[in-house]
Amino acid sequence: MDEEFWYCLKHHTVEPREGCKNADRLGPYATADEAAHALEKVAQRNEEWDNDPKWNEPKKGES
């Protein structure tokens, strides 16, 4: 990637490489637009994983 972008969880903004520490941001992303939608992507993935039967075994007493 020539240019990379991150989504800062602290400031809720898109940042270039020179930004907040990596622990406070998501990325890198290839475009600023992808970084701007980082939280939407996280929510989508969480929803998929929450409903993935490979990761959610039935609890005792459930079928």
C-alpha atoms as a PDB file:
ATOM      1  CA  MET A   1       0.000   0.000   0.000  1.00  0.00           C
ATOM      2  CA  ASP A   2       1.366   3.368  -0.934  1.00  0.00           C
ATOM      3  CA  GLU A   3      -0.922   5.270   1.371  1.00  0.00           C
ATOM      4  CA  GLU A   4      -2.682   3.832   4.402  1.00  0.00           C
ATOM      5  CA  PHE A   5      -5.457   5.100   6.630  1.00  0.00           C
ATOM      6  CA  TRP A   6      -6.669   4.227  10.132  1.00  0.00           C
ATOM      7  CA  TYR A   7      -9.835   4.897  12.091  1.00  0.00           C
ATOM      8  CA  CYS A   8      -9.035   6.467  15.459  1.00  0.00           C
ATOM      9  CA  LEU A   9     -11.254   5.082  18.225  1.00  0.00           C
ATOM     10  CA  LYS A  10     -10.254   7.912  20.536  1.00  0.00           C
ATOM     11  CA  HIS A  11     -11.085  10.824  18.222  1.00  0.00           C
ATOM     12  CA  HIS A  12     -13.588   9.080  15.891  1.00  0.00           C
ATOM     13  CA  THR A  13     -11.726  10.310  12.823  1.00  0.00           C
ATOM     14  CA  VAL A  14      -9.758   8.900   9.903  1.00  0.00           C
ATOM     15  CA  GLU A  15      -6.017   9.337  10.296  1.00  0.00           C
ATOM     16  CA  PRO A  16      -2.938   8.899   8.108  1.00  0.00           C
ATOM     17  CA  ARG A  17       0.018   6.757   9.186  1.00  0.00           C
ATOM     18  CA  GLU A  18       1.190   9.563  11.490  1.00  0.00           C
ATOM     19  CA  GLY A  19      -1.637   9.491  13.991  1.00  0.00           C
ATOM     20  CA  CYS A  20      -2.556   8.150  17.381  1.00  0.00           C
ATOM     21  CA  LYS A  21      -0.932   5.015  18.737  1.00  0.00           C
ATOM     22  CA  ASN A  22      -2.045   1.766  17.129  1.00  0.00           C
ATOM     23  CA  ALA A  23      -3.768   0.577  20.309  1.00  0.00           C
ATOM     24  CA  ASP A  24      -6.304   3.395  19.807  1.00  0.00           C
ATOM     25  CA  ARG A  25      -7.150   2.741  16.167  1.00  0.00           C
ATOM     26  CA  LEU A  26      -8.314   0.226  13.560  1.00  0.00           C
ATOM     27  CA  GLY A  27      -6.507  -0.435  10.312  1.00  0.00           C
ATOM     28  CA  PRO A  28      -4.694  -0.004   8.120  1.00  0.00           C
ATOM     29  CA  TYR A  29      -7.152   0.487   5.282  1.00  0.00           C
ATOM     30  CA  ALA A  30      -6.333   1.179   1.642  1.00  0.00           C
ATOM     31  CA  THR A  31      -8.611   4.219   1.404  1.00  0.00           C
ATOM     32  CA  ALA A  32      -9.926   6.920   3.696  1.00  0.00           C
ATOM     33  CA  ASP A  33     -13.477   5.812   2.840  1.00  0.00           C
ATOM     34  CA  GLU A  34     -12.780   2.243   4.023  1.00  0.00           C
ATOM     35  CA  ALA A  35     -11.332   3.606   7.260  1.00  0.00           C
ATOM     36  CA  ALA A  36     -14.356   5.873   7.744  1.00  0.00           C
ATOM     37  CA  HIS A  37     -16.590   2.780   7.691  1.00  0.00           C
ATOM     38  CA  ALA A  38     -14.409   0.711  10.032  1.00  0.00           C
ATOM     39  CA  LEU A  39     -16.952   0.547  12.854  1.00  0.00           C
ATOM     40  CA  GLU A  40     -19.661  -0.604  10.449  1.00  0.00           C
ATOM     41  CA  LYS A  41     -17.349  -3.407   9.272  1.00  0.00           C
ATOM     42  CA  VAL A  42     -16.629  -4.381  12.883  1.00  0.00           C
ATOM     43  CA  ALA A  43     -20.366  -4.530  13.663  1.00  0.00           C
ATOM     44  CA  GLN A  44     -21.012  -6.614  10.536  1.00  0.00           C
ATOM     45  CA  ARG A  45     -18.260  -9.087  11.402  1.00  0.00           C
ATOM     46  CA  ASN A  46     -19.410  -9.335  15.020  1.00  0.00           C
ATOM     47  CA  GLU A  47     -22.939 -10.107  13.854  1.00  0.00           C
ATOM     48  CA  GLU A  48     -21.640 -12.804  11.499  1.00  0.00           C
ATOM     49  CA  TRP A  49     -19.487 -14.359  14.211  1.00  0.00           C
ATOM     50  CA  ASP A  50     -22.253 -14.172  16.817  1.00  0.00           C
ATOM     51  CA  ASN A  51     -24.452 -16.219  14.472  1.00  0.00           C
ATOM     52  CA  ASP A  52     -21.785 -18.653  13.259  1.00  0.00           C
ATOM     53  CA  PRO A  53     -22.644 -22.141  14.537  1.00  0.00           C
ATOM     54  CA  LYS A  54     -18.960 -23.126  14.478  1.00  0.00           C
ATOM     55  CA  TRP A  55     -18.307 -20.565  17.227  1.00  0.00           C
ATOM     56  CA  ASN A  56     -21.531 -20.920  19.183  1.00  0.00           C
ATOM     57  CA  GLU A  57     -22.047 -24.339  20.650  1.00  0.00           C
ATOM     58  CA  PRO A  58     -25.409 -24.919  22.314  1.00  0.00           C
ATOM     59  CA  LYS A  59     -25.443 -24.309  26.053  1.00  0.00           C
ATOM     60  CA  LYS A  60     -26.284 -27.159  28.396  1.00  0.00           C
ATOM     61  CA  GLY A  61     -29.991 -27.914  28.192  1.00  0.00           C
ATOM     62  CA  GLU A  62     -30.328 -26.338  24.710  1.00  0.00           C
ATOM     63  CA  SER A  63     -30.463 -28.264  21.467  1.00  0.00           C
END
